[in-house]
């Protein structure tokens, strides 16, 4: 049952519609940054929004070529599909009610529903009969059925709205407040009164030209702030920071790692602890790690932007303060050069997510990849393709690059793939069964371990697929949801000590550093129509970042539109989105990169204050 949704003239109705969209979406997904990935998911989320989609309706929006729909597109669908209406349903049933007593025989209803229009399955019919056959006499009491159907729809909507209103963390997720993982508020280290810091958003979006989920007439009545910035291709070319003279003679340490794209669109990685025994000049870099074995064909993730934020490590992690970040770019390498005092630091890897995007996990190649096969003697063995993938994984989890996997390194891998650690006793068993050197697993031993696991499962590859997918591979063994990287630190006067760590507070510290890096490098503009609401737009050599600071005593909702930007790739999941900023907090709004660095690009973002309801 579809019709045309007409936007109300009042902003209040417009906002109510948008809130209902969010509530329905979050009843099915963890975040509005998640995409609808199947027709079944589309059906579920439409039902949560009070719609009763038919097969024809679903097929209209989910065609054979559809692979995903985002939240913005979902809002557009809701505009075209009316809610289930009790009067309308009653009218349909009355036309089948020959006696006019409110009952329809099961046989008659079955004939209508299985022979006309979209035929129902027998299971669907039985569910309807069980729901509304009050007297168990083979008749459907349709007034009760209509009431239950509409009531259930309304209850779903109310439950979704109540869940959204009650769960502050969920509301932040809805607006894309944190892509790394939901966190508790922390205190800002900025000047003035301490302000709670809300998490930033780092999902992915390719610039498109889809219409906003809000009517332009409603938007035009609000006060807006436009921040157009035109970047020429020359301005985004690598701004090379010259290497210090005699760098080859400096003390050097390096460590590897990887960004992982999570199911909810967030990006995760390890953090690192740096110790400097004395004050020294430092040359710090981070760059994607090329695992390609062909010089003429680098790895596909080499275009992913990276950065490394440095924070001082206080007595407690809450005492940490932002120091610097790798602001300059030299091809794929991001660089910082300066002096650091003696002491301890946290190194926090970061990627905007603009170019690390969720892709279809189906194989990019037409051929199905085989993981396990039987040799001529009937024994199980790893396929060549799997060995190559496992060899690359070994390269990534060998964090210190010594060609061996220590227990600590292996446990980072295990926590990523299984959520469990390997204890010393289990490691001793590995030592007895697999090739090791210096109590560390060799590449051959790593292959033997995976072969043993496959053999124990009788050749069933599903556990191997779980491992591979956790490490970012799809079923074609293409690495599509991860970006390996390498950190290098050169110190002139002392040997740096660099160790991988995994901090629960890592995302919180990273967000604090991101906010500080924006507010200290640019001025704020007051958002018209919002007292004490400011927008920071920071233009770097290769990236534009924006932050919203709400210094008022009430929460504000900011509507953000990138519709007029050109050749832009945003960290947001949509061209048009909303950001809810609680009272006296700051929130990173988005990061923007050029899609094509060889062409000029225009960042034209319009931030609009939405009325409170």
Protein backbone atom coordinates (compact mmCIF):
# COMPACT_ATOMS: atom_id res chain seq x y z
CA UNK A 1 0.00 0.00 0.00
CA UNK A 2 1.92 3.03 -1.15
CA UNK A 3 1.18 6.68 -1.65
CA UNK A 4 2.88 10.06 -1.63
CA UNK A 5 4.15 11.46 1.67
CA UNK A 6 3.71 15.22 1.80
CA UNK A 7 6.09 17.15 4.07
CA UNK A 8 4.29 19.28 6.62
CA UNK A 9 4.60 23.00 6.38
CA UNK A 10 5.82 23.34 9.92
CA UNK A 11 9.43 22.69 10.90
CA UNK A 12 8.18 20.76 13.90
CA UNK A 13 6.52 18.17 11.68
CA UNK A 14 9.62 18.01 9.52
CA UNK A 15 11.79 17.34 12.56
CA UNK A 16 9.33 14.74 13.88
CA UNK A 17 9.55 12.87 10.58
CA UNK A 18 13.33 12.88 10.72
CA UNK A 19 13.34 11.63 14.33
CA UNK A 20 10.99 8.78 13.35
CA UNK A 21 13.33 7.86 10.50
CA UNK A 22 16.27 7.70 12.89
CA UNK A 23 14.37 5.73 15.50
CA UNK A 24 13.24 3.12 12.97
CA UNK A 25 16.71 2.78 11.50
CA UNK A 26 18.35 2.34 14.89
CA UNK A 27 15.82 -0.30 15.86
CA UNK A 28 17.49 -2.51 13.23
CA UNK A 29 21.05 -1.19 12.96
CA UNK A 30 23.64 -0.15 15.52
CA UNK A 31 24.28 3.13 13.72
CA UNK A 32 22.73 5.24 10.99
CA UNK A 33 26.13 4.94 9.34
CA UNK A 34 25.39 1.28 8.64
CA UNK A 35 23.97 0.42 5.25
CA UNK A 36 20.90 -1.66 4.44
CA UNK A 37 22.55 -4.71 2.91
CA UNK A 38 19.61 -6.90 1.82
CA UNK A 39 15.96 -6.84 0.84
CA UNK A 40 15.12 -8.54 4.15
CA UNK A 41 16.80 -5.73 6.09
CA UNK A 42 14.91 -3.18 4.01
CA UNK A 43 11.65 -4.92 4.88
CA UNK A 44 12.48 -4.96 8.61
CA UNK A 45 13.43 -1.31 8.81
CA UNK A 46 10.35 -0.23 6.83
CA UNK A 47 8.18 -2.22 9.21
CA UNK A 48 9.85 -0.49 12.16
CA UNK A 49 8.84 2.80 10.54
CA UNK A 50 5.20 1.74 10.42
CA UNK A 51 5.08 0.68 6.79
CA UNK A 52 3.68 -2.58 5.47
CA UNK A 53 5.79 -3.16 2.35
CA UNK A 54 4.50 -5.58 -0.26
CA UNK A 55 6.80 -7.67 -2.42
CA UNK A 56 6.23 -5.20 -5.24
CA UNK A 57 7.21 -2.30 -3.00
CA UNK A 58 10.40 -4.02 -1.89
CA UNK A 59 11.28 -4.94 -5.47
CA UNK A 60 10.78 -1.31 -6.51
CA UNK A 61 13.49 -0.10 -4.14
CA UNK A 62 15.70 -3.22 -4.09
CA UNK A 63 16.38 -4.08 -7.71
CA UNK A 64 18.71 -6.85 -8.94
CA UNK A 65 21.44 -4.19 -9.22
CA UNK A 66 21.03 -2.87 -5.68
CA UNK A 67 23.83 -3.79 -3.28
CA UNK A 68 23.12 -1.34 -0.45
CA UNK A 69 20.97 1.59 0.64
CA UNK A 70 22.08 4.24 3.13
CA UNK A 71 20.10 6.15 5.73
CA UNK A 72 19.52 9.11 3.41
CA UNK A 73 17.96 6.83 0.78
CA UNK A 74 15.85 5.18 3.47
CA UNK A 75 14.42 8.60 4.40
CA UNK A 76 13.53 9.18 0.75
CA UNK A 77 11.68 5.85 0.63
CA UNK A 78 9.64 6.74 3.70
CA UNK A 79 8.50 9.93 2.00
CA UNK A 80 6.89 7.81 -0.72
CA UNK A 81 5.41 5.04 1.42
CA UNK A 82 2.48 5.77 3.72
CA UNK A 83 1.97 4.09 7.07
CA UNK A 84 -0.39 1.17 7.47
CA UNK A 85 -3.86 2.65 8.00
CA UNK A 86 -6.49 0.78 10.04
CA UNK A 87 -9.46 2.27 8.15
CA UNK A 88 -7.92 1.29 4.84
CA UNK A 89 -7.35 -2.28 6.04
CA UNK A 90 -10.90 -2.51 7.39
CA UNK A 91 -12.27 -1.35 4.04
CA UNK A 92 -10.41 -4.13 2.22
CA UNK A 93 -11.73 -6.82 4.57
CA UNK A 94 -15.30 -5.47 4.52
CA UNK A 95 -15.43 -6.05 0.77
CA UNK A 96 -14.85 -9.77 1.49
CA UNK A 97 -17.29 -9.89 4.43
CA UNK A 98 -20.46 -11.13 2.75
CA UNK A 99 -22.54 -11.29 5.97
CA UNK A 100 -21.20 -8.06 7.38
CA UNK A 101 -20.58 -9.63 10.82
CA UNK A 102 -16.85 -8.95 11.03
CA UNK A 103 -15.83 -12.53 10.18
CA UNK A 104 -14.25 -14.06 7.08
CA UNK A 105 -13.91 -17.79 6.59
CA UNK A 106 -10.37 -19.08 6.38
CA UNK A 107 -11.18 -20.84 3.10
CA UNK A 108 -12.38 -17.60 1.52
CA UNK A 109 -9.43 -15.57 2.75
CA UNK A 110 -7.02 -18.28 1.61
CA UNK A 111 -8.56 -18.27 -1.85
CA UNK A 112 -8.15 -14.49 -2.16
CA UNK A 113 -4.64 -14.31 -0.75
CA UNK A 114 -3.22 -17.24 -2.72
CA UNK A 115 -4.77 -16.62 -6.13
CA UNK A 116 -4.87 -12.86 -6.61
CA UNK A 117 -2.02 -10.36 -6.76
CA UNK A 118 0.98 -11.41 -4.69
CA UNK A 119 0.32 -14.95 -3.51
CA UNK A 120 1.02 -15.57 0.17
CA UNK A 121 2.89 -18.56 1.47
CA UNK A 122 0.97 -21.09 3.56
CA UNK A 123 3.15 -20.21 6.60
CA UNK A 124 2.12 -16.56 6.31
CA UNK A 125 -1.53 -17.52 6.16
CA UNK A 126 -1.25 -19.74 9.20
CA UNK A 127 0.35 -16.90 11.13
CA UNK A 128 -2.57 -14.59 10.25
CA UNK A 129 -5.14 -17.21 11.23
CA UNK A 130 -3.40 -17.94 14.54
CA UNK A 131 -3.30 -14.24 15.35
CA UNK A 132 -6.92 -13.34 14.75
CA UNK A 133 -8.97 -16.56 14.99
CA UNK A 134 -10.37 -15.53 18.36
CA UNK A 135 -12.90 -18.37 18.73
CA UNK A 136 -10.78 -21.02 17.00
CA UNK A 137 -13.74 -21.72 14.69
CA UNK A 138 -12.03 -21.42 11.32
CA UNK A 139 -13.02 -17.75 10.91
CA UNK A 140 -10.92 -14.61 10.90
CA UNK A 141 -12.27 -11.79 13.09
CA UNK A 142 -10.71 -9.09 10.95
CA UNK A 143 -11.43 -6.03 13.17
CA UNK A 144 -9.20 -7.62 15.81
CA UNK A 145 -6.60 -8.49 13.20
CA UNK A 146 -6.50 -4.89 11.88
CA UNK A 147 -6.32 -3.51 15.41
CA UNK A 148 -3.47 -5.85 16.35
CA UNK A 149 -1.56 -5.13 13.15
CA UNK A 150 -1.74 -1.35 13.51
CA UNK A 151 -1.17 -1.54 17.26
CA UNK A 152 1.93 -3.66 16.74
CA UNK A 153 3.26 -1.18 14.20
CA UNK A 154 2.65 1.71 16.60
CA UNK A 155 4.29 -0.18 19.46
CA UNK A 156 7.35 -0.83 17.33
CA UNK A 157 7.58 2.87 16.52
CA UNK A 158 7.11 3.93 20.12
CA UNK A 159 9.67 1.42 21.37
CA UNK A 160 12.19 2.64 18.81
CA UNK A 161 11.57 6.30 19.75
CA UNK A 162 11.80 5.56 23.47
CA UNK A 163 14.99 3.59 22.95
CA UNK A 164 16.50 6.45 20.97
CA UNK A 165 15.47 9.06 23.53
CA UNK A 166 16.66 7.04 26.52
CA UNK A 167 20.02 5.95 25.14
CA UNK A 168 22.36 8.92 24.88
CA UNK A 169 25.09 6.76 23.38
CA UNK A 170 22.71 5.53 20.71
CA UNK A 171 21.71 9.09 19.86
CA UNK A 172 25.35 9.98 19.36
CA UNK A 173 25.85 6.93 17.16
CA UNK A 174 22.83 7.93 15.12
CA UNK A 175 24.42 11.21 14.29
CA UNK A 176 27.71 9.53 13.53
CA UNK A 177 29.37 10.81 16.67
CA UNK A 178 32.05 8.16 16.93
CA UNK A 179 33.24 5.68 14.41
CA UNK A 180 36.01 4.11 16.44
CA UNK A 181 33.81 2.77 19.25
CA UNK A 182 31.23 4.26 21.62
CA UNK A 183 32.88 5.98 24.53
CA UNK A 184 32.04 7.82 27.71
CA UNK A 185 32.51 11.60 27.67
CA UNK A 186 35.93 12.92 28.62
CA UNK A 187 37.10 16.35 29.68
CA UNK A 188 38.64 18.77 27.22
CA UNK A 189 42.14 20.05 27.77
CA UNK A 190 41.26 23.27 25.97
CA UNK A 191 41.45 26.73 27.49
CA UNK A 192 38.63 27.99 29.64
CA UNK A 193 36.11 25.93 31.54
CA UNK A 194 36.46 22.17 31.01
CA UNK A 195 33.93 20.86 28.51
CA UNK A 196 32.81 17.24 27.95
CA UNK A 197 34.17 15.92 24.68
CA UNK A 198 31.88 13.94 22.42
CA UNK A 199 33.20 11.42 19.98
CA UNK A 200 33.93 12.24 16.37
CA UNK A 201 32.63 10.56 13.22
CA UNK A 202 34.84 8.71 10.79
CA UNK A 203 32.60 6.60 8.50
CA UNK A 204 32.96 6.61 4.77
CA UNK A 205 31.13 8.36 1.97
CA UNK A 206 31.76 8.89 -1.67
CA UNK A 207 30.43 12.24 -2.85
CA UNK A 208 27.13 11.86 -4.60
CA UNK A 209 24.26 14.12 -5.59
CA UNK A 210 21.31 12.54 -3.86
CA UNK A 211 18.69 14.92 -2.56
CA UNK A 212 18.54 15.72 1.12
CA UNK A 213 16.25 13.79 3.41
CA UNK A 214 14.85 17.20 4.44
CA UNK A 215 12.79 19.52 2.22
CA UNK A 216 14.81 22.49 0.99
CA UNK A 217 11.93 24.83 1.87
CA UNK A 218 12.24 23.83 5.50
CA UNK A 219 15.99 24.25 5.46
CA UNK A 220 15.81 27.71 3.93
CA UNK A 221 13.86 29.06 6.88
CA UNK A 222 16.69 28.24 9.26
CA UNK A 223 19.78 30.31 9.86
CA UNK A 224 22.80 28.84 8.07
CA UNK A 225 26.55 29.21 7.85
CA UNK A 226 28.39 28.44 4.64
CA UNK A 227 32.13 27.81 4.57
CA UNK A 228 33.19 27.50 0.93
CA UNK A 229 36.85 26.58 0.43
CA UNK A 230 38.35 26.03 -3.01
CA UNK A 231 41.48 23.90 -3.15
CA UNK A 232 43.55 23.75 -6.32
CA UNK A 233 45.20 20.49 -7.27
CA UNK A 234 48.58 22.11 -6.63
CA UNK A 235 47.55 22.94 -3.05
CA UNK A 236 46.89 19.28 -2.30
CA UNK A 237 50.05 17.95 -3.86
CA UNK A 238 52.54 16.45 -1.47
CA UNK A 239 54.11 19.13 0.69
CA UNK A 240 57.42 17.43 1.24
CA UNK A 241 59.15 18.00 4.56
CA UNK A 242 62.86 17.61 3.92
CA UNK A 243 64.52 14.81 5.83
CA UNK A 244 66.97 16.00 8.45
CA UNK A 245 70.59 15.94 7.34
CA UNK A 246 72.32 12.74 8.35
CA UNK A 247 69.05 10.94 9.11
CA UNK A 248 70.68 7.60 8.38
CA UNK A 249 72.87 8.13 11.43
CA UNK A 250 69.97 8.86 13.80
CA UNK A 251 68.56 6.27 16.20
CA UNK A 252 65.65 4.47 14.55
CA UNK A 253 62.72 2.36 15.64
CA UNK A 254 59.65 1.20 13.74
CA UNK A 255 56.44 -0.69 14.32
CA UNK A 256 53.70 -2.06 12.07
CA UNK A 257 49.95 -2.21 12.51
CA UNK A 258 46.66 -2.07 10.62
CA UNK A 259 43.45 -0.11 10.43
CA UNK A 260 40.38 -2.36 10.40
CA UNK A 261 36.97 -1.37 9.11
CA UNK A 262 34.41 -2.71 11.57
CA UNK A 263 30.84 -3.89 10.91
CA UNK A 264 29.35 -0.61 12.17
CA UNK A 265 31.58 1.48 9.90
CA UNK A 266 34.04 2.35 12.65
CA UNK A 267 37.82 2.08 12.24
CA UNK A 268 39.99 0.42 14.85
CA UNK A 269 43.71 -0.08 15.37
CA UNK A 270 46.30 -0.66 18.05
CA UNK A 271 47.94 2.24 19.84
CA UNK A 272 51.63 2.59 20.68
CA UNK A 273 53.70 3.65 23.68
CA UNK A 274 56.82 5.71 23.01
CA UNK A 275 59.59 6.32 25.56
CA UNK A 276 62.31 8.90 25.01
CA UNK A 277 65.12 8.79 27.59
CA UNK A 278 66.12 12.39 26.82
CA UNK A 279 65.00 15.44 24.87
CA UNK A 280 65.77 15.00 21.19
CA UNK A 281 64.98 16.09 17.65
CA UNK A 282 62.46 13.70 16.12
CA UNK A 283 61.44 12.75 12.58
CA UNK A 284 58.14 10.82 12.78
CA UNK A 285 56.27 9.19 9.88
CA UNK A 286 53.33 6.88 9.20
CA UNK A 287 52.35 5.40 5.86
CA UNK A 288 50.33 2.51 4.38
CA UNK A 289 52.33 -0.72 4.20
CA UNK A 290 52.67 -2.10 0.67
CA UNK A 291 52.33 -5.89 0.66
CA UNK A 292 52.36 -6.22 -3.12
CA UNK A 293 54.95 -8.52 -4.61
CA UNK A 294 54.85 -6.57 -7.88
CA UNK A 295 56.64 -3.19 -8.03
CA UNK A 296 54.43 -2.11 -10.93
CA UNK A 297 51.20 -2.85 -9.01
CA UNK A 298 51.13 -1.44 -5.46
CA UNK A 299 48.54 -2.58 -2.92
CA UNK A 300 45.07 -1.09 -3.37
CA UNK A 301 45.07 0.57 0.06
CA UNK A 302 48.13 2.75 -0.62
CA UNK A 303 45.83 5.73 -1.29
CA UNK A 304 44.28 5.51 2.20
CA UNK A 305 45.09 8.60 4.25
CA UNK A 306 46.84 8.03 7.56
CA UNK A 307 47.98 10.19 10.46
CA UNK A 308 49.68 9.77 13.79
CA UNK A 309 48.65 11.84 16.80
CA UNK A 310 51.12 12.23 19.66
CA UNK A 311 49.92 12.73 23.22
CA UNK A 312 51.98 13.04 26.36
CA UNK A 313 51.39 10.18 28.80
CA UNK A 314 50.57 11.59 32.23
CA UNK A 315 50.33 9.71 35.51
CA UNK A 316 46.84 8.70 34.41
CA UNK A 317 45.54 8.51 30.86
CA UNK A 318 43.11 11.32 31.69
CA UNK A 319 46.13 13.58 32.21
CA UNK A 320 47.35 13.06 28.64
CA UNK A 321 47.73 16.19 26.53
CA UNK A 322 47.89 16.69 22.77
CA UNK A 323 51.41 17.39 21.51
CA UNK A 324 51.49 17.18 17.70
CA UNK A 325 50.47 15.11 14.68
CA UNK A 326 51.85 14.18 11.26
CA UNK A 327 50.41 17.16 9.41
CA UNK A 328 52.64 17.22 6.33
CA UNK A 329 52.50 14.77 3.46
CA UNK A 330 55.19 13.30 1.22
CA UNK A 331 53.46 11.03 -1.31
CA UNK A 332 51.91 8.21 0.80
CA UNK A 333 53.95 9.21 3.86
CA UNK A 334 52.63 11.57 6.56
CA UNK A 335 55.36 13.41 8.46
CA UNK A 336 56.09 15.44 11.58
CA UNK A 337 59.50 16.93 12.39
CA UNK A 338 60.37 18.70 15.61
CA UNK A 339 61.66 18.30 19.14
CA UNK A 340 60.15 16.13 21.88
CA UNK A 341 61.05 16.30 25.55
CA UNK A 342 62.23 13.25 27.46
CA UNK A 343 59.32 11.18 28.73
CA UNK A 344 56.49 8.88 27.72
CA UNK A 345 54.04 9.40 24.87
CA UNK A 346 51.07 7.70 23.25
CA UNK A 347 51.10 7.39 19.46
CA UNK A 348 47.54 7.16 18.13
CA UNK A 349 47.11 6.07 14.49
CA UNK A 350 44.23 7.69 12.62
CA UNK A 351 42.50 7.47 9.26
CA UNK A 352 39.51 9.58 8.27
CA UNK A 353 37.88 6.61 6.54
CA UNK A 354 37.34 8.68 3.40
CA UNK A 355 39.24 6.13 1.34
CA UNK A 356 38.88 3.05 3.52
CA UNK A 357 35.34 2.11 2.61
CA UNK A 358 33.08 -0.83 3.23
CA UNK A 359 32.86 -3.01 0.14
CA UNK A 360 30.89 -6.02 -0.91
CA UNK A 361 32.49 -9.03 0.75
CA UNK A 362 31.77 -11.13 -2.29
CA UNK A 363 34.80 -11.97 -4.34
CA UNK A 364 36.06 -9.25 -6.65
CA UNK A 365 37.09 -12.05 -8.98
CA UNK A 366 34.69 -14.36 -10.73
CA UNK A 367 36.45 -17.51 -9.53
CA UNK A 368 35.64 -18.95 -6.11
CA UNK A 369 38.81 -19.21 -4.07
CA UNK A 370 39.61 -22.60 -2.58
CA UNK A 371 41.31 -22.60 0.82
CA UNK A 372 41.92 -26.30 1.43
CA UNK A 373 42.52 -29.15 -0.99
CA UNK A 374 43.60 -32.80 -0.89
CA UNK A 375 46.96 -33.82 -2.27
CA UNK A 376 47.58 -36.87 -4.46
CA UNK A 377 48.15 -38.86 -1.26
CA UNK A 378 44.79 -37.75 0.14
CA UNK A 379 46.23 -35.41 2.76
CA UNK A 380 44.81 -31.95 3.39
CA UNK A 381 46.91 -28.92 2.49
CA UNK A 382 46.58 -25.14 2.22
CA UNK A 383 45.95 -23.77 -1.26
CA UNK A 384 48.47 -21.44 -2.89
CA UNK A 385 46.06 -18.50 -2.62
CA UNK A 386 45.53 -19.10 1.09
CA UNK A 387 49.27 -19.40 1.73
CA UNK A 388 49.80 -16.04 0.05
CA UNK A 389 47.07 -14.43 2.19
CA UNK A 390 48.42 -16.01 5.39
CA UNK A 391 51.92 -14.87 4.48
CA UNK A 392 50.62 -11.28 4.18
CA UNK A 393 48.80 -11.62 7.51
CA UNK A 394 52.04 -12.85 9.07
CA UNK A 395 53.75 -9.75 7.68
CA UNK A 396 51.13 -7.50 9.29
CA UNK A 397 51.04 -9.14 12.73
CA UNK A 398 54.84 -9.31 12.88
CA UNK A 399 54.68 -5.85 14.44
CA UNK A 400 58.38 -5.40 15.11
CA UNK A 401 59.37 -6.79 11.72
CA UNK A 402 61.87 -9.36 13.02
CA UNK A 403 60.41 -12.16 10.90
CA UNK A 404 58.95 -13.95 13.95
CA UNK A 405 55.68 -13.82 15.88
CA UNK A 406 56.04 -13.41 19.64
CA UNK A 407 53.35 -14.45 22.10
CA UNK A 408 52.41 -10.79 22.55
CA UNK A 409 52.09 -10.25 18.80
CA UNK A 410 50.13 -13.48 18.41
CA UNK A 411 47.70 -12.41 21.12
CA UNK A 412 46.96 -9.14 19.34
CA UNK A 413 46.07 -11.33 16.34
CA UNK A 414 44.02 -13.74 18.47
CA UNK A 415 42.06 -10.93 20.12
CA UNK A 416 41.28 -9.58 16.67
CA UNK A 417 40.15 -12.90 15.18
CA UNK A 418 38.71 -14.88 18.11
CA UNK A 419 38.46 -12.51 21.06
CA UNK A 420 40.59 -14.82 23.21
CA UNK A 421 44.22 -14.84 24.27
CA UNK A 422 46.71 -17.68 24.10
CA UNK A 423 48.30 -18.33 27.51
CA UNK A 424 51.86 -19.49 28.14
CA UNK A 425 50.86 -23.13 28.50
CA UNK A 426 49.09 -23.12 25.12
CA UNK A 427 52.10 -21.34 23.62
CA UNK A 428 54.32 -24.13 24.98
CA UNK A 429 52.12 -26.65 23.14
CA UNK A 430 52.57 -24.61 19.95
CA UNK A 431 56.32 -24.79 20.49
CA UNK A 432 56.13 -28.59 20.57
CA UNK A 433 54.09 -28.87 17.38
CA UNK A 434 55.06 -25.98 15.12
CA UNK A 435 58.24 -24.44 13.82
CA UNK A 436 59.55 -21.86 16.30
CA UNK A 437 62.76 -19.95 16.86
CA UNK A 438 63.69 -18.09 20.07
CA UNK A 439 60.25 -19.06 21.45
CA UNK A 440 58.63 -17.20 18.57
CA UNK A 441 56.54 -18.58 15.72
CA UNK A 442 58.14 -18.64 12.28
CA UNK A 443 56.27 -18.06 9.05
CA UNK A 444 56.36 -21.81 8.40
CA UNK A 445 55.06 -22.45 11.92
CA UNK A 446 52.19 -20.05 11.30
CA UNK A 447 51.26 -22.02 8.17
CA UNK A 448 51.46 -25.29 10.10
CA UNK A 449 49.20 -23.93 12.85
CA UNK A 450 46.50 -22.93 10.35
CA UNK A 451 46.77 -26.26 8.53
CA UNK A 452 46.33 -28.13 11.81
CA UNK A 453 43.19 -26.14 12.61
CA UNK A 454 41.77 -26.94 9.17
CA UNK A 455 42.70 -30.61 9.53
CA UNK A 456 40.98 -30.85 12.91
CA UNK A 457 37.80 -29.60 11.20
CA UNK A 458 38.07 -32.27 8.50
CA UNK A 459 38.90 -29.70 5.87
CA UNK A 460 35.94 -27.43 6.67
CA UNK A 461 37.24 -23.93 5.81
CA UNK A 462 34.65 -21.88 7.77
CA UNK A 463 36.94 -21.18 10.74
CA UNK A 464 39.62 -20.05 8.32
CA UNK A 465 37.11 -17.71 6.68
CA UNK A 466 36.27 -16.25 10.10
CA UNK A 467 39.95 -15.45 10.61
CA UNK A 468 40.40 -14.04 7.13
CA UNK A 469 37.32 -11.84 7.29
CA UNK A 470 38.33 -10.53 10.71
CA UNK A 471 41.62 -9.48 9.12
CA UNK A 472 39.77 -7.60 6.36
CA UNK A 473 39.65 -10.18 3.54
CA UNK A 474 36.64 -11.00 1.41
CA UNK A 475 35.79 -14.41 -0.04
CA UNK A 476 37.97 -13.71 -3.03
CA UNK A 477 40.95 -13.21 -0.68
CA UNK A 478 41.10 -9.53 -1.55
CA UNK A 479 42.10 -7.31 1.38
CA UNK A 480 39.23 -4.81 1.22
CA UNK A 481 38.43 -3.82 4.80
CA UNK A 482 41.86 -3.15 6.28
CA UNK A 483 44.86 -0.93 5.68
CA UNK A 484 48.22 -2.13 7.03
CA UNK A 485 50.60 0.68 8.01
CA UNK A 486 54.10 1.30 9.32
CA UNK A 487 55.29 3.85 11.87
CA UNK A 488 58.91 5.03 11.80
CA UNK A 489 60.57 7.24 14.38
CA UNK A 490 64.08 8.66 14.05
CA UNK A 491 65.69 10.42 17.03
CA UNK A 492 68.92 12.36 16.85
CA UNK A 493 70.14 12.08 20.44
CA UNK A 494 68.53 9.01 22.03
CA UNK A 495 67.25 5.56 21.19
CA UNK A 496 63.44 5.56 21.11
CA UNK A 497 61.52 2.65 22.62
CA UNK A 498 58.30 1.83 20.78
CA UNK A 499 55.77 -0.79 21.94
CA UNK A 500 52.28 -1.75 20.73
CA UNK A 501 49.44 -1.46 23.25
CA UNK A 502 45.67 -1.78 23.23
CA UNK A 503 43.97 0.86 25.38
CA UNK A 504 40.26 1.02 26.11
CA UNK A 505 40.75 4.78 26.35
CA UNK A 506 42.56 4.94 22.98
CA UNK A 507 39.58 6.17 20.94
CA UNK A 508 38.76 8.73 23.61
CA UNK A 509 42.32 10.07 23.60
CA UNK A 510 42.35 10.14 19.80
CA UNK A 511 39.15 12.16 19.75
CA UNK A 512 40.62 14.59 22.27
CA UNK A 513 43.69 15.00 20.07
CA UNK A 514 41.60 15.47 16.92
CA UNK A 515 39.55 18.20 18.56
CA UNK A 516 42.62 19.99 19.84
CA UNK A 517 44.35 19.80 16.45
CA UNK A 518 41.38 21.60 14.88
CA UNK A 519 40.64 24.27 17.47
CA UNK A 520 44.28 25.32 17.87
CA UNK A 521 44.83 25.83 14.14
CA UNK A 522 41.79 27.84 13.10
CA UNK A 523 39.34 30.44 14.33
CA UNK A 524 35.67 29.87 15.11
CA UNK A 525 32.63 31.34 13.37
CA UNK A 526 29.39 31.78 15.25
CA UNK A 527 26.47 29.92 13.74
CA UNK A 528 23.73 32.41 12.96
CA UNK A 529 20.59 31.75 14.93
CA UNK A 530 22.45 29.87 17.65
CA UNK A 531 23.88 31.79 20.59
CA UNK A 532 27.21 30.37 21.67
CA UNK A 533 27.32 27.73 18.90
CA UNK A 534 30.52 27.90 16.85
CA UNK A 535 31.92 26.13 13.80
CA UNK A 536 35.66 25.56 13.30
CA UNK A 537 36.72 24.81 9.72
CA UNK A 538 40.37 23.84 9.57
CA UNK A 539 42.13 23.74 6.22
CA UNK A 540 45.24 21.59 6.12
CA UNK A 541 47.60 20.76 3.29
CA UNK A 542 45.55 17.78 2.17
CA UNK A 543 42.45 17.64 4.38
CA UNK A 544 39.67 19.90 5.62
CA UNK A 545 38.21 19.16 9.05
CA UNK A 546 35.32 20.81 10.85
CA UNK A 547 34.23 20.88 14.47
CA UNK A 548 31.10 22.19 16.17
CA UNK A 549 31.39 23.70 19.65
CA UNK A 550 28.18 24.15 21.62
CA UNK A 551 28.91 26.52 24.51
CA UNK A 552 25.25 27.02 25.32
CA UNK A 553 23.39 25.32 28.15
CA UNK A 554 21.10 23.28 25.91
CA UNK A 555 21.66 20.70 23.22
CA UNK A 556 21.53 21.81 19.61
CA UNK A 557 20.94 19.95 16.36
CA UNK A 558 22.91 21.06 13.33
CA UNK A 559 21.88 20.10 9.81
CA UNK A 560 24.95 19.66 7.58
CA UNK A 561 24.88 19.66 3.79
CA UNK A 562 27.76 18.87 1.41
CA UNK A 563 25.48 18.89 -1.64
CA UNK A 564 27.36 21.73 -3.33
CA UNK A 565 30.85 20.37 -2.73
CA UNK A 566 32.75 19.24 -5.82
CA UNK A 567 35.27 16.39 -6.11
CA UNK A 568 35.00 15.78 -2.38
CA UNK A 569 35.13 12.62 -0.32
CA UNK A 570 33.72 13.00 3.21
CA UNK A 571 34.20 10.92 6.33
CA UNK A 572 30.41 10.94 6.74
CA UNK A 573 28.13 8.21 5.49
CA UNK A 574 25.80 10.65 3.74
CA UNK A 575 25.92 13.86 1.74
CA UNK A 576 23.37 15.39 4.08
CA UNK A 577 23.24 14.53 7.77
CA UNK A 578 22.50 15.95 11.20
CA UNK A 579 24.72 16.37 14.24
CA UNK A 580 23.30 16.58 17.74
CA UNK A 581 25.68 18.40 20.06
CA UNK A 582 24.85 18.25 23.78
CA UNK A 583 25.17 21.33 25.97
CA UNK A 584 28.71 22.60 26.53
CA UNK A 585 30.42 20.02 24.36
CA UNK A 586 32.49 19.88 21.20
CA UNK A 587 32.14 17.38 18.38
CA UNK A 588 34.19 16.73 15.26
CA UNK A 589 31.74 17.12 12.40
CA UNK A 590 33.58 15.68 9.40
CA UNK A 591 36.82 15.34 7.48
CA UNK A 592 36.96 15.94 3.72
CA UNK A 593 39.55 14.88 1.13
CA UNK A 594 39.61 15.25 -2.65
CA UNK A 595 38.34 12.24 -4.57
CA UNK A 596 40.87 12.95 -7.32
CA UNK A 597 43.98 14.73 -6.08
CA UNK A 598 44.99 15.71 -9.62
CA UNK A 599 41.90 17.94 -9.96
CA UNK A 600 40.70 21.06 -8.17
CA UNK A 601 38.13 20.48 -5.44
CA UNK A 602 35.64 22.69 -3.66
CA UNK A 603 34.50 22.17 -0.10
CA UNK A 604 31.16 23.93 0.27
CA UNK A 605 29.52 22.85 3.49
CA UNK A 606 26.38 24.52 4.84
CA UNK A 607 25.76 24.13 8.58
CA UNK A 608 22.21 24.96 9.61
CA UNK A 609 20.72 25.42 13.05
CA UNK A 610 17.59 23.34 13.42
CA UNK A 611 14.78 24.57 15.67
CA UNK A 612 14.30 22.94 19.05
CA UNK A 613 11.05 21.05 19.59
